[in-house]
Amino acid sequence: MTGWTLPYPMQRALALAEESAEAGEVPVGAVVVRAGAIIAEAHNAPRETHDPTAHAEILAIRRAAEVLGDERLTDCELWVTLEPCTMCAGAIVHARIAKLYYAASDPKGGAVEHGARVFDQPQCLHRPEVYSGMGEARAANLLREFFRDRR
């Protein structure tokens, strides 16, 4: 597709992933969108915060819930640069996120199209609409460079 650019929420999530890498964190960024506007954003911060749950998705969901004053984000979208892990997929379910957009698949740690496939389980309380692959090359390249530089 010539002339096609990524939607702004994914552009912003990728910029946050770059910030994450610069901070020495695994390069993952996430934004929560409501009514077309970003209401919360975050990048991975487990090392910085000494909190293993400080994944970009979790932090963005927490911030969005604070902004809205509600634990249910039923009319929100989550845009993230990497396929969510089991923990983050569970948070998406409990927050009732309406739509999930993610860039790169994660065959090793992902839990949407890989691994646990959280949203496909009969016990799953909520299933967001899922869209993947948007910005995949850039997100995957950020991750490859990050881990290559550390090996």
N, C-alpha and C. Protein backbone atom coordinates (compact mmCIF):
# COMPACT_ATOMS: atom_id res chain seq x y z
N MET A 1 0.84 -1.19 0.00
CA MET A 1 0.00 0.00 0.00
C MET A 1 0.88 1.24 0.00
N THR A 2 0.88 1.94 -1.05
CA THR A 2 1.67 3.15 -1.16
C THR A 2 0.94 4.31 -0.49
N GLY A 3 1.67 5.08 0.29
CA GLY A 3 1.08 6.26 0.92
C GLY A 3 0.32 5.98 2.19
N TRP A 4 0.20 4.72 2.59
CA TRP A 4 -0.52 4.38 3.81
C TRP A 4 0.38 4.59 5.01
N THR A 5 -0.13 5.24 6.01
CA THR A 5 0.63 5.42 7.24
C THR A 5 -0.11 4.75 8.39
N LEU A 6 0.64 4.42 9.40
CA LEU A 6 0.04 3.80 10.59
C LEU A 6 -0.90 4.78 11.27
N PRO A 7 -1.98 4.28 11.84
CA PRO A 7 -2.85 5.14 12.65
C PRO A 7 -2.04 5.74 13.80
N TYR A 8 -2.42 6.94 14.19
CA TYR A 8 -1.66 7.65 15.23
C TYR A 8 -1.49 6.84 16.52
N PRO A 9 -2.52 6.14 17.01
CA PRO A 9 -2.30 5.39 18.25
C PRO A 9 -1.14 4.39 18.15
N MET A 10 -0.98 3.72 17.01
CA MET A 10 0.13 2.78 16.87
C MET A 10 1.44 3.53 16.71
N GLN A 11 1.42 4.66 16.03
CA GLN A 11 2.64 5.47 15.94
C GLN A 11 3.10 5.87 17.35
N ARG A 12 2.16 6.28 18.18
CA ARG A 12 2.50 6.69 19.54
C ARG A 12 2.99 5.50 20.36
N ALA A 13 2.35 4.35 20.22
CA ALA A 13 2.78 3.15 20.95
C ALA A 13 4.21 2.79 20.54
N LEU A 14 4.54 2.90 19.27
CA LEU A 14 5.89 2.61 18.80
C LEU A 14 6.90 3.62 19.36
N ALA A 15 6.51 4.88 19.43
CA ALA A 15 7.39 5.89 20.03
C ALA A 15 7.64 5.57 21.50
N LEU A 16 6.61 5.12 22.20
CA LEU A 16 6.77 4.73 23.61
C LEU A 16 7.68 3.50 23.73
N ALA A 17 7.58 2.58 22.78
CA ALA A 17 8.46 1.41 22.78
C ALA A 17 9.92 1.85 22.63
N GLU A 18 10.16 2.84 21.79
CA GLU A 18 11.52 3.38 21.63
C GLU A 18 12.00 3.99 22.94
N GLU A 19 11.13 4.72 23.62
CA GLU A 19 11.48 5.30 24.93
C GLU A 19 11.81 4.19 25.92
N SER A 20 11.06 3.11 25.86
CA SER A 20 11.28 1.97 26.73
C SER A 20 12.68 1.40 26.52
N ALA A 21 13.06 1.21 25.26
CA ALA A 21 14.39 0.68 24.94
C ALA A 21 15.49 1.61 25.44
N GLU A 22 15.28 2.91 25.25
CA GLU A 22 16.27 3.90 25.71
C GLU A 22 16.44 3.85 27.23
N ALA A 23 15.38 3.46 27.93
CA ALA A 23 15.44 3.35 29.39
C ALA A 23 15.97 1.98 29.85
N GLY A 24 16.33 1.12 28.89
CA GLY A 24 16.84 -0.20 29.23
C GLY A 24 15.77 -1.23 29.49
N GLU A 25 14.53 -0.91 29.13
CA GLU A 25 13.41 -1.83 29.29
C GLU A 25 13.12 -2.50 27.96
N VAL A 26 12.50 -3.67 27.99
CA VAL A 26 12.08 -4.33 26.75
C VAL A 26 11.16 -3.35 26.01
N PRO A 27 11.42 -3.11 24.72
CA PRO A 27 10.69 -2.07 23.99
C PRO A 27 9.25 -2.43 23.64
N VAL A 28 8.37 -2.13 24.56
CA VAL A 28 6.93 -2.30 24.35
C VAL A 28 6.25 -1.02 24.80
N GLY A 29 5.35 -0.51 23.96
CA GLY A 29 4.57 0.67 24.29
C GLY A 29 3.09 0.38 24.11
N ALA A 30 2.26 1.07 24.87
CA ALA A 30 0.81 0.86 24.80
C ALA A 30 0.07 2.17 25.02
N VAL A 31 -1.04 2.32 24.32
CA VAL A 31 -1.93 3.46 24.53
C VAL A 31 -3.37 2.97 24.61
N VAL A 32 -4.16 3.68 25.41
CA VAL A 32 -5.59 3.41 25.50
C VAL A 32 -6.30 4.57 24.83
N VAL A 33 -7.22 4.22 23.94
CA VAL A 33 -7.95 5.21 23.15
C VAL A 33 -9.44 5.11 23.48
N ARG A 34 -10.04 6.28 23.64
CA ARG A 34 -11.50 6.34 23.84
C ARG A 34 -12.03 7.47 22.97
N ALA A 35 -13.04 7.19 22.20
CA ALA A 35 -13.66 8.17 21.30
C ALA A 35 -12.62 8.86 20.41
N GLY A 36 -11.65 8.07 19.95
CA GLY A 36 -10.65 8.59 19.02
C GLY A 36 -9.49 9.34 19.65
N ALA A 37 -9.47 9.50 20.97
CA ALA A 37 -8.40 10.24 21.64
C ALA A 37 -7.64 9.34 22.61
N ILE A 38 -6.33 9.53 22.67
CA ILE A 38 -5.52 8.78 23.63
C ILE A 38 -5.80 9.34 25.02
N ILE A 39 -6.21 8.45 25.93
CA ILE A 39 -6.49 8.88 27.30
C ILE A 39 -5.44 8.40 28.29
N ALA A 40 -4.62 7.42 27.87
CA ALA A 40 -3.57 6.91 28.75
C ALA A 40 -2.50 6.24 27.89
N GLU A 41 -1.28 6.26 28.38
CA GLU A 41 -0.19 5.63 27.65
C GLU A 41 0.88 5.19 28.63
N ALA A 42 1.72 4.25 28.18
CA ALA A 42 2.81 3.76 29.03
C ALA A 42 3.77 2.94 28.18
N HIS A 43 4.96 2.76 28.73
CA HIS A 43 5.89 1.80 28.17
C HIS A 43 6.30 0.84 29.28
N ASN A 44 6.92 -0.25 28.90
CA ASN A 44 7.37 -1.23 29.89
C ASN A 44 8.24 -0.55 30.94
N ALA A 45 8.06 -0.95 32.19
CA ALA A 45 8.86 -0.36 33.27
C ALA A 45 9.14 -1.32 34.43
N PRO A 46 9.21 -2.64 34.22
CA PRO A 46 9.48 -3.53 35.36
C PRO A 46 10.81 -3.26 36.05
N ARG A 47 11.86 -3.00 35.29
CA ARG A 47 13.17 -2.77 35.90
C ARG A 47 13.19 -1.44 36.65
N GLU A 48 12.66 -0.42 36.01
CA GLU A 48 12.65 0.92 36.62
C GLU A 48 11.85 0.95 37.92
N THR A 49 10.72 0.25 37.93
CA THR A 49 9.81 0.29 39.08
C THR A 49 10.01 -0.87 40.05
N HIS A 50 10.87 -1.83 39.68
CA HIS A 50 11.07 -3.04 40.48
C HIS A 50 9.73 -3.75 40.68
N ASP A 51 8.96 -3.81 39.60
CA ASP A 51 7.61 -4.39 39.63
C ASP A 51 7.44 -5.29 38.41
N PRO A 52 7.41 -6.60 38.61
CA PRO A 52 7.28 -7.50 37.47
C PRO A 52 5.97 -7.36 36.71
N THR A 53 4.98 -6.70 37.30
CA THR A 53 3.70 -6.51 36.60
C THR A 53 3.66 -5.20 35.82
N ALA A 54 4.73 -4.44 35.80
CA ALA A 54 4.73 -3.11 35.15
C ALA A 54 4.93 -3.22 33.64
N HIS A 55 4.12 -4.05 33.02
CA HIS A 55 4.13 -4.14 31.55
C HIS A 55 3.38 -2.92 31.01
N ALA A 56 3.69 -2.54 29.79
CA ALA A 56 3.08 -1.36 29.17
C ALA A 56 1.56 -1.43 29.22
N GLU A 57 1.01 -2.59 28.89
CA GLU A 57 -0.45 -2.73 28.85
C GLU A 57 -1.07 -2.50 30.22
N ILE A 58 -0.47 -3.12 31.25
CA ILE A 58 -1.00 -3.00 32.61
C ILE A 58 -0.97 -1.54 33.06
N LEU A 59 0.17 -0.89 32.84
CA LEU A 59 0.29 0.51 33.26
C LEU A 59 -0.69 1.41 32.52
N ALA A 60 -0.85 1.19 31.21
CA ALA A 60 -1.79 2.01 30.43
C ALA A 60 -3.23 1.76 30.88
N ILE A 61 -3.58 0.51 31.14
CA ILE A 61 -4.93 0.19 31.61
C ILE A 61 -5.18 0.84 32.97
N ARG A 62 -4.21 0.75 33.88
CA ARG A 62 -4.37 1.38 35.20
C ARG A 62 -4.60 2.89 35.07
N ARG A 63 -3.80 3.52 34.22
CA ARG A 63 -3.92 4.97 34.04
C ARG A 63 -5.26 5.34 33.40
N ALA A 64 -5.72 4.56 32.45
CA ALA A 64 -7.01 4.83 31.81
C ALA A 64 -8.15 4.68 32.82
N ALA A 65 -8.08 3.66 33.66
CA ALA A 65 -9.11 3.46 34.68
C ALA A 65 -9.14 4.64 35.65
N GLU A 66 -7.96 5.17 35.99
CA GLU A 66 -7.91 6.35 36.86
C GLU A 66 -8.53 7.56 36.17
N VAL A 67 -8.18 7.76 34.91
CA VAL A 67 -8.71 8.91 34.15
C VAL A 67 -10.23 8.85 34.08
N LEU A 68 -10.76 7.65 33.82
CA LEU A 68 -12.21 7.49 33.66
C LEU A 68 -12.94 7.30 34.99
N GLY A 69 -12.20 6.98 36.05
CA GLY A 69 -12.84 6.73 37.33
C GLY A 69 -13.69 5.47 37.29
N ASP A 70 -13.23 4.48 36.54
CA ASP A 70 -14.00 3.25 36.37
C ASP A 70 -13.05 2.12 36.02
N GLU A 71 -13.25 0.96 36.60
CA GLU A 71 -12.41 -0.19 36.28
C GLU A 71 -12.81 -0.85 34.96
N ARG A 72 -13.95 -0.51 34.44
CA ARG A 72 -14.43 -1.06 33.17
C ARG A 72 -14.13 -0.08 32.05
N LEU A 73 -13.39 -0.54 31.08
CA LEU A 73 -13.00 0.30 29.93
C LEU A 73 -13.73 -0.20 28.68
N THR A 74 -15.03 -0.39 28.81
CA THR A 74 -15.83 -1.05 27.78
C THR A 74 -15.86 -0.34 26.43
N ASP A 75 -15.66 0.95 26.42
CA ASP A 75 -15.69 1.67 25.14
C ASP A 75 -14.29 2.13 24.73
N CYS A 76 -13.27 1.40 25.19
CA CYS A 76 -11.88 1.77 24.91
C CYS A 76 -11.20 0.74 24.01
N GLU A 77 -10.14 1.22 23.38
CA GLU A 77 -9.27 0.38 22.56
C GLU A 77 -7.89 0.39 23.19
N LEU A 78 -7.19 -0.73 23.10
CA LEU A 78 -5.80 -0.80 23.54
C LEU A 78 -4.93 -1.05 22.31
N TRP A 79 -3.96 -0.19 22.12
CA TRP A 79 -3.00 -0.31 21.02
C TRP A 79 -1.65 -0.62 21.65
N VAL A 80 -1.03 -1.73 21.27
CA VAL A 80 0.23 -2.15 21.88
C VAL A 80 1.16 -2.71 20.80
N THR A 81 2.44 -2.60 21.04
CA THR A 81 3.42 -2.97 20.02
C THR A 81 3.74 -4.46 19.98
N LEU A 82 3.35 -5.22 20.99
CA LEU A 82 3.65 -6.64 21.04
C LEU A 82 2.43 -7.40 21.55
N GLU A 83 2.25 -8.59 21.01
CA GLU A 83 1.15 -9.46 21.45
C GLU A 83 1.18 -9.59 22.97
N PRO A 84 0.07 -9.30 23.64
CA PRO A 84 0.05 -9.37 25.10
C PRO A 84 0.33 -10.77 25.65
N CYS A 85 1.00 -10.79 26.81
CA CYS A 85 1.27 -12.03 27.53
C CYS A 85 -0.02 -12.46 28.26
N THR A 86 0.06 -13.57 28.97
CA THR A 86 -1.10 -14.07 29.69
C THR A 86 -1.60 -13.07 30.73
N MET A 87 -0.67 -12.48 31.49
CA MET A 87 -1.07 -11.51 32.51
C MET A 87 -1.81 -10.33 31.89
N CYS A 88 -1.26 -9.80 30.80
CA CYS A 88 -1.85 -8.62 30.17
C CYS A 88 -3.18 -8.96 29.48
N ALA A 89 -3.24 -10.15 28.88
CA ALA A 89 -4.50 -10.58 28.26
C ALA A 89 -5.58 -10.70 29.33
N GLY A 90 -5.22 -11.21 30.51
CA GLY A 90 -6.18 -11.29 31.61
C GLY A 90 -6.65 -9.91 32.05
N ALA A 91 -5.74 -8.95 32.10
CA ALA A 91 -6.12 -7.58 32.46
C ALA A 91 -7.06 -6.98 31.41
N ILE A 92 -6.81 -7.27 30.15
CA ILE A 92 -7.68 -6.79 29.07
C ILE A 92 -9.09 -7.35 29.25
N VAL A 93 -9.16 -8.62 29.60
CA VAL A 93 -10.46 -9.25 29.85
C VAL A 93 -11.17 -8.56 31.01
N HIS A 94 -10.49 -8.42 32.13
CA HIS A 94 -11.12 -7.84 33.32
C HIS A 94 -11.49 -6.37 33.14
N ALA A 95 -10.73 -5.65 32.32
CA ALA A 95 -11.05 -4.24 32.05
C ALA A 95 -12.15 -4.11 31.01
N ARG A 96 -12.47 -5.21 30.35
CA ARG A 96 -13.50 -5.22 29.29
C ARG A 96 -13.14 -4.30 28.12
N ILE A 97 -11.85 -4.28 27.76
CA ILE A 97 -11.40 -3.51 26.60
C ILE A 97 -12.18 -3.98 25.37
N ALA A 98 -12.70 -3.04 24.60
CA ALA A 98 -13.52 -3.39 23.44
C ALA A 98 -12.69 -3.93 22.27
N LYS A 99 -11.56 -3.26 21.98
CA LYS A 99 -10.74 -3.65 20.83
C LYS A 99 -9.27 -3.66 21.22
N LEU A 100 -8.56 -4.66 20.74
CA LEU A 100 -7.12 -4.78 20.95
C LEU A 100 -6.44 -4.74 19.60
N TYR A 101 -5.48 -3.83 19.46
CA TYR A 101 -4.64 -3.76 18.27
C TYR A 101 -3.21 -4.02 18.73
N TYR A 102 -2.53 -4.99 18.11
CA TYR A 102 -1.12 -5.16 18.45
C TYR A 102 -0.31 -5.35 17.18
N ALA A 103 0.95 -4.92 17.26
CA ALA A 103 1.82 -4.90 16.09
C ALA A 103 2.46 -6.28 15.86
N ALA A 104 3.42 -6.64 16.66
CA ALA A 104 4.18 -7.87 16.45
C ALA A 104 3.62 -9.04 17.24
N SER A 105 3.62 -10.20 16.62
CA SER A 105 3.25 -11.43 17.32
C SER A 105 4.40 -11.84 18.22
N ASP A 106 4.07 -12.62 19.26
CA ASP A 106 5.09 -13.10 20.19
C ASP A 106 4.91 -14.59 20.40
N PRO A 107 5.50 -15.42 19.51
CA PRO A 107 5.33 -16.87 19.64
C PRO A 107 5.82 -17.44 20.97
N LYS A 108 6.78 -16.78 21.60
CA LYS A 108 7.34 -17.28 22.86
C LYS A 108 6.49 -16.89 24.07
N GLY A 109 6.08 -15.62 24.16
CA GLY A 109 5.40 -15.16 25.36
C GLY A 109 3.98 -14.65 25.16
N GLY A 110 3.53 -14.60 23.92
CA GLY A 110 2.20 -14.09 23.64
C GLY A 110 1.11 -15.04 24.10
N ALA A 111 -0.08 -14.49 24.36
CA ALA A 111 -1.19 -15.32 24.84
C ALA A 111 -2.50 -14.99 24.15
N VAL A 112 -2.40 -14.36 22.96
CA VAL A 112 -3.60 -14.06 22.18
C VAL A 112 -3.70 -15.04 21.02
N GLU A 113 -2.72 -15.04 20.14
CA GLU A 113 -2.71 -16.01 19.04
C GLU A 113 -1.73 -17.14 19.29
N HIS A 114 -0.98 -17.07 20.37
CA HIS A 114 -0.02 -18.09 20.76
C HIS A 114 -0.29 -18.52 22.20
N GLY A 115 0.45 -19.53 22.64
CA GLY A 115 0.41 -19.94 24.05
C GLY A 115 -1.00 -20.21 24.57
N ALA A 116 -1.34 -19.54 25.64
CA ALA A 116 -2.61 -19.79 26.34
C ALA A 116 -3.85 -19.41 25.54
N ARG A 117 -3.71 -18.54 24.55
CA ARG A 117 -4.87 -18.09 23.75
C ARG A 117 -6.04 -17.73 24.68
N VAL A 118 -5.77 -16.82 25.56
CA VAL A 118 -6.70 -16.46 26.64
C VAL A 118 -8.11 -16.18 26.15
N PHE A 119 -8.24 -15.42 25.08
CA PHE A 119 -9.58 -15.02 24.63
C PHE A 119 -10.37 -16.19 24.02
N ASP A 120 -9.70 -17.28 23.69
CA ASP A 120 -10.37 -18.45 23.11
C ASP A 120 -10.85 -19.44 24.15
N GLN A 121 -10.49 -19.22 25.41
CA GLN A 121 -10.86 -20.17 26.46
C GLN A 121 -12.33 -20.04 26.82
N PRO A 122 -13.01 -21.16 27.06
CA PRO A 122 -14.44 -21.09 27.41
C PRO A 122 -14.70 -20.31 28.69
N GLN A 123 -13.71 -20.24 29.58
CA GLN A 123 -13.87 -19.52 30.83
C GLN A 123 -13.67 -18.02 30.68
N CYS A 124 -13.27 -17.57 29.51
CA CYS A 124 -13.01 -16.15 29.29
C CYS A 124 -14.30 -15.35 29.45
N LEU A 125 -14.25 -14.35 30.31
CA LEU A 125 -15.42 -13.54 30.64
C LEU A 125 -15.77 -12.50 29.58
N HIS A 126 -14.79 -12.15 28.75
CA HIS A 126 -14.96 -11.09 27.75
C HIS A 126 -13.97 -11.33 26.63
N ARG A 127 -14.39 -11.09 25.40
CA ARG A 127 -13.51 -11.25 24.25
C ARG A 127 -13.47 -9.96 23.44
N PRO A 128 -12.35 -9.27 23.46
CA PRO A 128 -12.26 -8.05 22.64
C PRO A 128 -12.13 -8.41 21.17
N GLU A 129 -12.45 -7.46 20.32
CA GLU A 129 -12.11 -7.62 18.90
C GLU A 129 -10.59 -7.49 18.83
N VAL A 130 -9.94 -8.33 18.03
CA VAL A 130 -8.48 -8.34 17.97
C VAL A 130 -8.02 -8.08 16.54
N TYR A 131 -7.06 -7.17 16.41
CA TYR A 131 -6.45 -6.83 15.13
C TYR A 131 -4.94 -6.86 15.31
N SER A 132 -4.25 -7.62 14.47
CA SER A 132 -2.80 -7.74 14.65
C SER A 132 -2.06 -7.40 13.36
N GLY A 133 -0.77 -7.13 13.52
CA GLY A 133 0.10 -6.93 12.37
C GLY A 133 0.36 -5.50 11.96
N MET A 134 -0.40 -4.57 12.47
CA MET A 134 -0.23 -3.16 12.10
C MET A 134 1.03 -2.60 12.75
N GLY A 135 2.04 -2.28 11.96
CA GLY A 135 3.31 -1.80 12.50
C GLY A 135 4.23 -2.93 12.93
N GLU A 136 3.93 -4.12 12.49
CA GLU A 136 4.67 -5.32 12.92
C GLU A 136 6.17 -5.24 12.62
N ALA A 137 6.53 -4.81 11.43
CA ALA A 137 7.96 -4.79 11.05
C ALA A 137 8.75 -3.87 11.97
N ARG A 138 8.23 -2.69 12.23
CA ARG A 138 8.95 -1.74 13.08
C ARG A 138 9.04 -2.25 14.52
N ALA A 139 7.95 -2.79 15.04
CA ALA A 139 7.95 -3.31 16.41
C ALA A 139 8.91 -4.49 16.55
N ALA A 140 8.88 -5.41 15.59
CA ALA A 140 9.76 -6.57 15.63
C ALA A 140 11.22 -6.15 15.52
N ASN A 141 11.50 -5.14 14.69
CA ASN A 141 12.87 -4.65 14.55
C ASN A 141 13.37 -4.03 15.86
N LEU A 142 12.53 -3.26 16.53
CA LEU A 142 12.91 -2.69 17.83
C LEU A 142 13.29 -3.79 18.81
N LEU A 143 12.51 -4.84 18.85
CA LEU A 143 12.78 -5.95 19.76
C LEU A 143 14.07 -6.68 19.39
N ARG A 144 14.24 -6.96 18.09
CA ARG A 144 15.46 -7.64 17.63
C ARG A 144 16.70 -6.83 18.00
N GLU A 145 16.68 -5.53 17.71
CA GLU A 145 17.82 -4.68 18.01
C GLU A 145 18.10 -4.63 19.51
N PHE A 146 17.05 -4.53 20.30
CA PHE A 146 17.20 -4.46 21.75
C PHE A 146 17.92 -5.70 22.27
N PHE A 147 17.43 -6.89 21.87
CA PHE A 147 18.01 -8.13 22.38
C PHE A 147 19.37 -8.43 21.75
N ARG A 148 19.57 -8.06 20.50
CA ARG A 148 20.87 -8.24 19.86
C ARG A 148 21.95 -7.43 20.61
N ASP A 149 21.62 -6.23 20.99
CA ASP A 149 22.57 -5.36 21.70
C ASP A 149 22.91 -5.88 23.09
N ARG A 150 22.09 -6.76 23.63
CA ARG A 150 22.32 -7.28 24.97
C ARG A 150 22.94 -8.66 24.99
N ARG A 151 23.13 -9.23 23.82
CA ARG A 151 23.70 -10.59 23.75
C ARG A 151 25.16 -10.56 23.44
